[in-house]
Protein backbone atom coordinates (compact mmCIF):
# COMPACT_ATOMS: atom_id res chain seq x y z
CA MET A 1 67.68 108.81 122.03
CA VAL A 2 64.24 108.04 120.73
CA ASN A 3 63.05 104.81 119.21
CA ILE A 4 63.12 105.14 115.41
CA MET A 5 59.83 103.30 115.10
CA SER A 6 57.67 105.16 117.63
CA GLY A 7 59.44 108.46 118.12
CA ILE A 8 59.52 107.99 121.91
CA PRO A 9 62.43 106.82 124.08
CA VAL A 10 62.68 103.12 124.95
CA VAL A 11 64.06 102.49 128.43
CA MET A 12 64.89 99.09 129.92
CA THR A 13 64.65 97.97 133.50
CA ILE A 14 66.80 95.03 134.56
CA ALA A 15 65.46 94.02 137.94
CA GLY A 16 63.46 91.58 140.05
CA SER A 17 59.75 91.05 139.96
CA ASP A 18 57.60 91.94 142.97
CA SER A 19 54.49 89.67 143.12
CA GLY A 20 52.81 92.35 145.25
CA GLY A 21 53.12 94.87 142.43
CA GLY A 22 54.69 97.57 144.61
CA ALA A 23 58.37 97.56 143.67
CA GLY A 24 60.82 96.09 141.16
CA ILE A 25 59.86 95.53 137.55
CA GLU A 26 56.22 96.34 138.25
CA ALA A 27 57.03 99.75 139.79
CA ASP A 28 59.46 100.57 136.97
CA ILE A 29 57.06 99.78 134.12
CA LYS A 30 54.30 101.88 135.74
CA THR A 31 56.77 104.73 136.14
CA PHE A 32 57.89 104.56 132.53
CA ALA A 33 54.28 104.57 131.37
CA ALA A 34 53.39 107.55 133.53
CA LEU A 35 56.35 109.52 132.15
CA GLY A 36 55.62 108.79 128.48
CA VAL A 37 58.51 106.47 127.60
CA HIS A 38 58.26 102.89 126.43
CA GLY A 39 59.27 100.47 129.14
CA SER A 40 61.03 97.19 128.35
CA CYS A 41 62.39 94.73 130.87
CA ALA A 42 64.67 91.84 131.71
CA ILE A 43 63.63 90.01 134.89
CA THR A 44 66.53 88.89 137.06
CA SER A 45 64.67 87.30 139.97
CA VAL A 46 61.14 86.37 140.86
CA THR A 47 60.18 87.21 144.44
CA ALA A 48 57.27 86.02 146.51
CA GLN A 49 56.64 89.41 148.02
CA ASN A 50 53.84 91.48 149.53
CA THR A 51 53.54 94.65 151.58
CA THR A 52 54.88 92.91 154.71
CA GLY A 53 58.14 91.72 153.15
CA VAL A 54 59.94 89.29 150.88
CA LEU A 55 58.90 85.70 151.66
CA SER A 56 61.19 84.00 149.12
CA ALA A 57 63.11 84.72 145.92
CA TYR A 58 64.18 82.70 142.89
CA ASP A 59 67.00 83.91 140.67
CA LEU A 60 66.52 83.26 136.97
CA PRO A 61 69.33 81.37 135.23
CA PRO A 62 71.93 83.74 133.72
CA HIS A 63 71.24 82.62 130.16
CA VAL A 64 67.56 83.55 130.57
CA ILE A 65 68.45 87.04 131.80
CA SER A 66 70.89 87.42 128.91
CA ALA A 67 68.28 86.25 126.39
CA GLN A 68 65.84 88.91 127.60
CA ILE A 69 68.32 91.73 127.25
CA ASN A 70 69.47 90.60 123.83
CA ALA A 71 65.89 90.18 122.59
CA VAL A 72 64.99 93.75 123.47
CA CYS A 73 68.23 95.42 122.43
CA SER A 74 68.41 93.59 119.07
CA ASP A 75 64.99 94.97 118.12
CA MET A 76 64.68 98.35 119.84
CA ASP A 77 66.89 101.40 120.11
CA VAL A 78 67.59 101.19 123.83
CA ARG A 79 70.09 103.72 125.13
CA TRP A 80 69.20 104.01 128.82
CA ALA A 81 68.60 101.20 131.29
CA LYS A 82 67.89 101.08 134.99
CA THR A 83 69.08 98.20 137.16
CA GLY A 84 67.41 97.07 140.34
CA MET A 85 67.62 93.74 142.15
CA LEU A 86 70.82 92.00 141.07
CA SER A 87 71.08 89.47 143.86
CA SER A 88 74.21 87.45 143.09
CA VAL A 89 77.79 87.84 141.85
CA GLU A 90 76.83 85.92 138.72
CA ILE A 91 73.92 88.19 137.88
CA VAL A 92 75.88 91.38 138.57
CA GLY A 93 78.67 90.18 136.29
CA LEU A 94 76.26 89.12 133.54
CA VAL A 95 74.38 92.44 133.56
CA ALA A 96 77.68 94.35 133.48
CA LYS A 97 78.79 92.31 130.46
CA GLU A 98 75.51 92.75 128.56
CA ALA A 99 75.32 96.48 129.35
CA ARG A 100 78.82 96.97 127.94
CA SER A 101 78.00 94.84 124.89
CA HIS A 102 74.91 96.89 124.03
CA ARG A 103 76.44 100.23 125.13
CA LEU A 104 73.70 100.93 127.61
CA SER A 105 73.87 104.01 129.81
CA LEU A 106 73.06 102.72 133.25
CA VAL A 107 71.21 104.15 136.18
CA VAL A 108 71.98 101.74 139.06
CA ASP A 109 69.62 101.40 141.96
CA PRO A 110 71.82 99.34 144.34
CA VAL A 111 68.93 97.43 145.86
CA MET A 112 70.05 95.69 149.04
CA ALA A 113 66.79 95.28 150.97
CA ALA A 114 63.06 95.65 150.34
CA GLU A 115 61.27 98.62 151.86
CA ALA A 116 58.89 96.22 153.60
CA GLY A 117 61.76 93.98 154.81
CA GLY A 118 63.96 91.23 153.38
CA ASP A 119 67.47 91.10 151.90
CA LEU A 120 67.67 91.30 148.11
CA LEU A 121 71.48 91.44 147.61
CA ARG A 122 73.85 88.82 148.89
CA LYS A 123 76.87 90.12 150.81
CA ASP A 124 79.42 88.82 148.27
CA ALA A 125 77.56 90.60 145.46
CA VAL A 126 78.30 94.03 146.96
CA LYS A 127 81.96 93.71 145.95
CA ALA A 128 80.93 92.72 142.41
CA LEU A 129 78.58 95.68 142.24
CA LYS A 130 81.41 98.06 143.14
CA GLU A 131 84.06 96.53 140.89
CA GLU A 132 82.09 95.34 137.86
CA LEU A 133 78.97 97.48 137.47
CA LEU A 134 79.69 100.93 138.91
CA PRO A 135 82.90 101.59 136.92
CA PHE A 136 80.97 102.22 133.68
CA SER A 137 77.59 103.33 135.11
CA LYS A 138 76.32 106.86 134.59
CA VAL A 139 74.31 107.26 137.77
CA VAL A 140 73.85 105.37 141.03
CA THR A 141 70.98 106.18 143.40
CA PRO A 142 71.64 104.68 146.85
CA ASN A 143 69.52 105.48 149.89
CA VAL A 144 71.37 106.37 153.06
CA HIS A 145 71.83 102.76 154.20
CA GLU A 146 73.06 101.67 150.77
CA ALA A 147 75.39 104.65 150.54
CA CYS A 148 76.87 103.70 153.93
CA THR A 149 77.55 100.17 152.66
CA LEU A 150 79.07 101.30 149.38
CA SER A 151 81.24 104.06 150.86
CA GLY A 152 82.00 102.76 154.32
CA ILE A 153 81.03 106.12 155.76
CA ASP A 154 78.49 106.45 158.57
CA ILE A 155 75.92 108.95 157.33
CA LYS A 156 74.13 111.10 159.90
CA ASP A 157 73.53 114.33 158.00
CA VAL A 158 73.80 115.99 154.58
CA GLU A 159 77.55 116.65 154.98
CA ASP A 160 78.15 112.97 155.62
CA ALA A 161 76.03 112.16 152.53
CA LYS A 162 78.27 114.45 150.46
CA LYS A 163 81.38 112.65 151.68
CA ALA A 164 79.83 109.27 150.92
CA ALA A 165 78.73 110.34 147.45
CA LYS A 166 82.21 111.57 146.58
CA LYS A 167 83.73 108.32 147.92
CA ILE A 168 81.40 106.18 145.77
CA THR A 169 82.46 107.99 142.59
CA GLU A 170 85.93 106.51 143.16
CA PHE A 171 84.55 103.26 141.76
CA GLY A 172 84.07 105.02 138.41
CA VAL A 173 80.42 106.04 138.39
CA GLU A 174 79.86 109.52 137.01
CA VAL A 175 77.00 110.75 139.24
CA VAL A 176 75.90 109.68 142.73
CA ILE A 177 72.55 110.66 144.17
CA VAL A 178 72.13 109.82 147.84
CA THR A 179 68.41 109.88 148.38
CA GLY A 180 67.25 111.35 151.66
CA GLY A 181 64.18 109.35 152.60
CA HIS A 182 66.05 108.00 155.63
CA LEU A 183 67.76 111.30 156.44
CA ASP A 184 66.10 114.75 156.19
CA ALA A 185 64.23 114.16 152.91
CA SER A 186 66.88 116.04 150.89
CA ASP A 187 68.67 114.33 148.04
CA VAL A 188 72.42 114.93 147.52
CA VAL A 189 73.61 114.92 143.93
CA TYR A 190 77.34 114.72 143.24
CA GLU A 191 78.75 115.08 139.73
CA ALA A 192 82.29 113.72 139.64
CA VAL A 193 83.41 115.39 136.40
CA SER A 194 82.65 118.91 137.68
CA ASP A 195 83.18 118.08 141.34
CA LYS A 196 79.81 119.74 142.00
CA PHE A 197 77.27 119.08 144.77
CA THR A 198 73.58 119.93 144.44
CA VAL A 199 71.11 119.39 147.24
CA VAL A 200 67.52 118.83 146.11
CA PRO A 201 65.29 119.68 149.10
CA GLY A 202 62.23 117.66 150.02
CA LYS A 203 59.84 117.00 152.86
CA PHE A 204 58.50 113.98 154.64
CA LEU A 205 54.99 113.08 153.53
CA GLU A 206 52.18 110.90 154.78
CA GLY A 207 51.68 107.81 152.62
CA GLY A 208 53.13 104.46 151.59
CA THR A 209 56.77 104.30 150.46
CA HIS A 210 57.10 100.73 149.20
CA GLY A 211 58.73 100.96 145.78
CA SER A 212 59.84 104.56 146.19
CA GLY A 213 63.51 103.76 145.53
CA CYS A 214 62.72 101.77 142.40
CA THR A 215 60.40 104.49 141.18
CA TYR A 216 62.98 107.21 141.76
CA ALA A 217 65.72 105.45 139.79
CA ALA A 218 63.26 104.65 136.98
CA CYS A 219 62.34 108.33 136.88
CA ILE A 220 65.99 109.33 136.55
CA ALA A 221 66.47 106.92 133.63
CA ALA A 222 63.26 108.09 131.93
CA PHE A 223 64.10 111.81 132.21
CA LEU A 224 67.69 111.30 131.09
CA SER A 225 66.43 109.34 128.08
CA LYS A 226 64.41 112.43 127.12
CA GLY A 227 67.51 114.60 127.17
CA HIS A 228 67.18 116.32 130.52
CA SER A 229 70.24 117.25 132.55
CA ILE A 230 71.01 115.24 135.66
CA ILE A 231 69.87 118.06 137.95
CA GLU A 232 66.63 118.44 136.02
CA ALA A 233 66.11 114.69 136.17
CA ALA A 234 66.80 114.61 139.94
CA THR A 235 64.41 117.48 140.59
CA PHE A 236 61.62 116.04 138.43
CA ALA A 237 62.13 112.60 139.95
CA LYS A 238 61.88 114.00 143.47
CA SER A 239 58.57 115.68 142.67
CA PHE A 240 57.19 112.60 140.93
CA VAL A 241 57.98 110.32 143.88
CA GLU A 242 56.50 112.77 146.38
CA LYS A 243 53.24 112.80 144.39
CA ALA A 244 53.32 109.01 144.18
CA ILE A 245 53.66 108.76 147.96
CA ILE A 246 50.79 111.17 148.56
CA SER A 247 48.63 109.16 146.14
CA SER A 248 49.54 105.79 147.68
CA VAL A 249 46.73 103.39 148.55
CA LYS A 250 46.94 100.87 151.39
CA VAL A 251 46.40 97.54 149.65
CA GLY A 252 47.77 95.20 152.27
CA HIS A 253 48.72 94.88 155.93
CA GLY A 254 52.23 96.32 155.60
CA VAL A 255 53.98 99.23 153.93
CA GLY A 256 51.75 100.71 151.25
CA PRO A 257 53.12 100.94 147.69
CA VAL A 258 53.62 104.28 146.00
CA ASN A 259 51.08 105.10 143.29
CA GLN A 260 52.90 106.19 140.17
CA LEU A 261 49.69 106.95 138.25
CA GLY A 262 47.87 108.65 141.13
CA SER A 263 48.73 112.21 140.10
CA THR A 264 48.06 111.48 136.43
CA LEU A 265 44.65 109.98 137.18
CA ARG A 266 43.80 112.83 139.52
CA ASP A 267 44.54 115.34 136.79
CA ALA A 268 42.42 113.29 134.38
CA HIS A 269 39.53 113.17 136.86
CA ARG A 270 39.79 116.95 137.39
CA PHE A 271 39.66 117.58 133.65
CA ALA A 272 36.72 115.22 133.25
CA ALA A 273 34.80 116.89 136.09
CA LEU A 274 35.47 120.34 134.61
CA GLN A 275 34.31 119.25 131.12
CA ASN A 276 31.26 117.50 132.49
CA THR A 277 30.27 120.56 134.53
CA ILE A 278 30.81 122.93 131.62
CA SER A 279 28.60 120.74 129.42
CA ALA A 280 25.95 120.57 132.18
CA ALA A 281 25.93 124.34 132.66
CA ASP A 282 25.56 124.86 128.91
CA LEU A 283 22.65 122.42 128.88
CA LEU A 284 20.87 124.33 131.64
CA VAL A 285 21.16 127.73 129.98
CA SER A 286 20.08 126.32 126.63
CA CYS A 287 16.69 125.56 128.16
CA ASP A 288 14.66 128.78 128.51
CA ASP A 289 12.21 126.95 130.80
CA PHE A 290 15.02 126.46 133.32
CA GLY A 291 14.82 130.13 134.13
CA ARG A 292 11.72 129.39 136.21
CA LEU A 293 13.75 127.13 138.53
CA ILE A 294 16.52 129.65 139.33
CA PRO A 295 16.40 130.85 142.95
CA GLU A 296 16.58 134.56 143.81
CA VAL A 297 20.18 134.02 144.94
CA GLY A 298 21.00 132.25 141.67
CA CYS A 299 21.88 128.62 141.21
CA ASN A 300 25.06 126.66 140.76
CA ILE A 301 25.93 123.21 139.52
CA ALA A 302 28.93 121.23 140.64
CA MET A 303 30.69 117.89 140.25
CA ALA A 304 33.44 116.31 142.34
CA ILE A 305 36.31 114.11 141.28
CA PRO A 306 36.31 110.56 142.70
CA SER A 307 37.44 110.42 146.33
CA ALA A 308 37.10 114.20 146.73
CA THR A 309 37.48 115.45 150.30
CA VAL A 310 37.71 119.21 149.90
CA VAL A 311 35.85 121.86 147.88
CA ALA A 312 38.96 122.39 145.73
CA ASP A 313 38.27 118.92 144.29
CA VAL A 314 34.77 119.97 143.16
CA ALA A 315 34.23 121.72 139.81
CA GLY A 316 31.62 124.49 139.90
CA ILE A 317 30.80 127.97 138.53
CA ASN A 318 32.80 130.73 140.22
CA GLY A 319 29.71 132.94 139.97
CA ARG A 320 26.09 131.81 139.50
CA ILE A 321 23.52 130.89 136.91
CA VAL A 322 21.15 133.85 137.06
CA ARG A 323 17.92 134.91 135.36
CA VAL A 324 18.17 137.73 132.80
CA ARG A 325 14.86 138.77 131.26
CA GLY A 326 13.42 135.44 132.31
CA ARG A 327 16.17 133.40 130.64
CA PRO A 328 19.05 131.58 132.33
CA TYR A 329 22.50 133.14 131.98
CA ILE A 330 25.93 131.96 133.26
CA ALA A 331 27.63 134.71 135.22
CA GLY A 332 31.10 133.23 135.71
CA VAL A 333 33.21 130.32 134.53
CA VAL A 334 33.55 126.73 135.65
CA GLU A 335 36.63 125.99 137.74
CA LEU A 336 37.75 123.72 140.55
CA GLY A 337 36.54 125.10 143.88
CA GLY A 338 34.20 127.41 141.98
CA SER A 339 31.20 126.81 144.24
CA GLY A 340 31.76 126.48 147.97
CA HIS A 341 28.03 126.13 148.74
CA VAL A 342 27.13 123.42 146.22
CA GLY A 343 30.57 121.89 146.62
CA ARG A 344 29.93 121.24 150.32
CA MET A 345 26.56 119.72 149.45
CA VAL A 346 28.28 117.29 147.06
CA LEU A 347 30.92 116.36 149.62
CA ALA A 348 28.21 115.67 152.20
CA ALA A 349 26.46 113.31 149.76
CA MET A 350 29.73 111.52 148.89
CA GLU A 351 30.28 110.63 152.54
CA PHE A 352 27.21 108.35 152.21
CA ASP A 353 27.56 107.31 148.58
CA PRO A 354 30.83 108.03 146.69
CA CYS A 355 28.99 107.56 143.37
CA VAL A 356 26.78 110.61 144.01
CA ARG A 357 29.21 113.34 142.87
CA ALA A 358 27.06 116.16 141.55
CA ALA A 359 24.30 118.55 142.55
CA VAL A 360 22.39 121.69 141.54
CA ASN A 361 20.31 124.02 143.69
CA LEU A 362 16.82 125.00 142.47
CA ARG A 363 14.12 127.47 143.42
CA TYR A 364 11.72 125.98 145.95
CA SER A 365 8.00 125.55 145.25
CA GLU A 366 5.44 122.93 146.13
CA LYS A 367 4.72 122.62 142.46
CA THR A 368 8.34 121.65 141.77
CA LEU A 369 8.23 119.09 144.57
CA LEU A 370 5.06 117.61 143.12
CA ILE A 371 6.74 117.27 139.71
CA CYS A 372 9.73 115.58 141.34
CA LYS A 373 7.42 113.05 143.01
CA GLU A 374 5.63 112.39 139.70
CA LEU A 375 9.02 111.77 138.07
CA GLY A 376 9.73 109.13 140.74
CA LEU A 377 12.51 111.03 142.48
CA SER A 378 13.20 110.21 146.12
CA ILE A 379 12.80 113.14 148.51
CA SER A 380 14.04 114.18 151.96
CA SER A 381 14.16 117.49 153.82
CA PHE A 382 15.49 119.37 156.85
CA ASP A 383 14.19 122.19 158.97
CA ARG A 384 16.43 125.24 159.27
CA ALA A 385 14.93 125.91 162.69
CA ASP A 386 16.73 122.80 163.95
CA GLU A 387 20.23 123.79 162.76
CA PRO A 388 22.84 125.22 165.13
CA ALA A 389 24.21 128.65 164.29
CA GLN A 390 26.57 128.53 161.30
CA ALA A 391 26.07 124.75 161.03
CA SER A 392 25.54 124.69 157.27
CA THR A 393 28.45 126.92 156.35
CA THR A 394 31.25 125.66 158.56
CA GLY A 395 33.50 122.68 157.96
CA THR A 396 34.03 120.71 154.78
CA VAL A 397 30.52 119.41 154.16
CA ASP A 398 26.98 120.77 154.36
CA ARG A 399 25.63 119.64 157.75
CA ASP A 400 22.02 120.34 156.78
CA VAL A 401 22.37 117.98 153.79
CA THR A 402 24.00 115.41 156.06
CA CYS A 403 21.04 115.56 158.44
CA ALA A 404 18.57 115.17 155.58
CA ILE A 405 20.43 112.12 154.28
CA GLU A 406 20.56 110.58 157.72
CA LYS A 407 16.81 111.23 158.11
CA PHE A 408 16.21 109.57 154.73
CA GLY A 409 18.28 106.57 155.85
CA SER A 410 16.35 106.20 159.08
CA ALA A 411 13.33 105.30 156.94
CA GLY A 412 15.23 102.20 155.78
CA LEU A 413 16.45 103.69 152.49
CA LYS A 414 20.25 103.25 152.42
CA LYS A 415 21.10 105.84 149.79
CA VAL A 416 21.31 109.56 149.08
CA PRO A 417 17.89 110.93 148.08
CA ASP A 418 17.54 112.53 144.66
CA ILE A 419 15.96 115.64 146.22
CA ILE A 420 16.70 117.45 149.49
CA TYR A 421 14.70 120.59 150.27
CA ASP A 422 14.03 123.06 153.03
CA THR A 423 11.29 125.69 153.38
CA GLY A 424 13.68 128.45 154.44
CA GLY A 425 14.25 130.43 157.57
CA LEU A 426 15.15 133.89 158.85
CA GLY A 427 17.21 135.43 156.04
CA LYS A 428 17.34 132.09 154.24
CA GLU A 429 15.61 131.46 150.91
CA PRO A 430 13.87 128.07 150.69
CA MET A 431 15.74 125.72 148.39
CA ILE A 432 15.60 122.43 146.51
CA ARG A 433 18.81 120.45 145.91
CA LEU A 434 19.01 117.86 143.14
CA PHE A 435 21.68 115.18 143.35
CA GLY A 436 23.14 112.73 140.80
CA LYS A 437 26.18 110.80 139.65
CA SER A 438 27.40 113.48 137.24
CA ALA A 439 26.73 117.12 136.47
CA GLU A 440 25.31 116.19 133.10
CA GLU A 441 22.91 113.70 134.68
CA VAL A 442 21.77 116.32 137.19
CA ALA A 443 21.35 118.92 134.41
CA CYS A 444 19.27 116.54 132.27
CA GLN A 445 17.00 115.85 135.22
CA ALA A 446 16.72 119.57 136.01
CA VAL A 447 15.75 120.32 132.40
CA LYS A 448 13.11 117.59 132.55
CA ILE A 449 11.69 119.16 135.72
CA ALA A 450 11.76 122.62 134.13
CA ARG A 451 9.86 121.49 131.04
CA SER A 452 7.27 119.71 133.15
CA TYR A 453 6.97 122.83 135.26
CA SER A 454 6.25 125.04 132.25
CA SER A 455 3.72 122.61 130.84
CA ILE A 456 1.53 123.02 133.94
CA ASN A 457 -0.75 126.08 133.78
CA ASP A 458 -0.35 127.54 137.24
CA THR A 459 -0.39 131.33 137.18
CA ASP A 460 -0.02 131.51 140.96
CA ASP A 461 3.48 130.13 140.66
CA HIS A 462 4.55 132.31 137.71
CA ILE A 463 7.79 134.23 137.89
CA GLY A 464 7.67 137.70 136.40
CA VAL A 465 10.37 139.11 134.21
């Protein structure tokens, strides 16, 4: 059900706060935001927590928890809520009472311990969870260890997980999802009404997993609030958490937190790089003078997303900018991975300065180099005679560009030069490479060079039609 004021679902998380920002309320709110629902919350406990574990925890008084739930539900149309850390018998009972009172559909994450270490549920509260909260909950999402505790079944494989899931529904919960992060990465979904099992396959991934359980349950609640079926919600949640693990950033000395916005930001950076490169290419071809700077092999312009490591993260033209009757013309379209050559040049520069994310290749001439010097651009070079066979075209980055940057740095200048050139070699056209922070910045500089070039009367350097 959507909120009548905003037109988007309002979902509540009733859980503990993680001071390290990796799990609990903090993880849930980030998840809700990433999935386009409005996140509200009722904090049950405040933990002193970081990536190495839970150092201490303070349970809020029951009346404070109750007041938070009532404040939100009396003002907003909340239909779905997700519970996390409910550490005591009193808190479990209170949340069960308030959820019934406000007719909340519950997704229960039966949090028992933090991913980084530390108990979050007292032993006597497990019984209350089974008898007071699960009987009217819609979904419960235990990991393997939690499912063992709730069912009393030792889980060693998917078949054991199925038995445990079916056993847990005897407490009254409608759907049990045993998450497989501690098993074989597959999630087991059991729907009690239809007596149906569904296995959602997955794979183990490199990355931090702190907050993965909280994030998963929050995903389930968010997708269900949007009207998705439980299987759709489980599948989408699985994919979301996997991307969050891949995007995790190590922020402390322990288990890294998942990054709920990592995939969203990456998509945004990709779109921005594409748009910037398209705009830059249009700028180049709008300048007739730029035709004089196009090499015989054509030129390309490219821009990488932040933290790019492969050419697929670099936007470029999947063809070239060529010269047609003396004027520049784009032969191709801008796409990610569009230019392997210029893309590798950009990646090489980023290894030295992550802010330098764009480049364009230009026709070599001493006249052009002179203009670059007059414009105050820093310059370095390399000699193709010094390169090993295939050195510049193998691997992720351009090794010739790397050598030129290192040479530039040896002179005491700790940055990527604006210009890197070479005078060619056997079967290799001489080339100038112009670097900058964005494709638009590089294009503007290239246009400035082109106009200065055309203003100089030098017939010896003229390019015929």
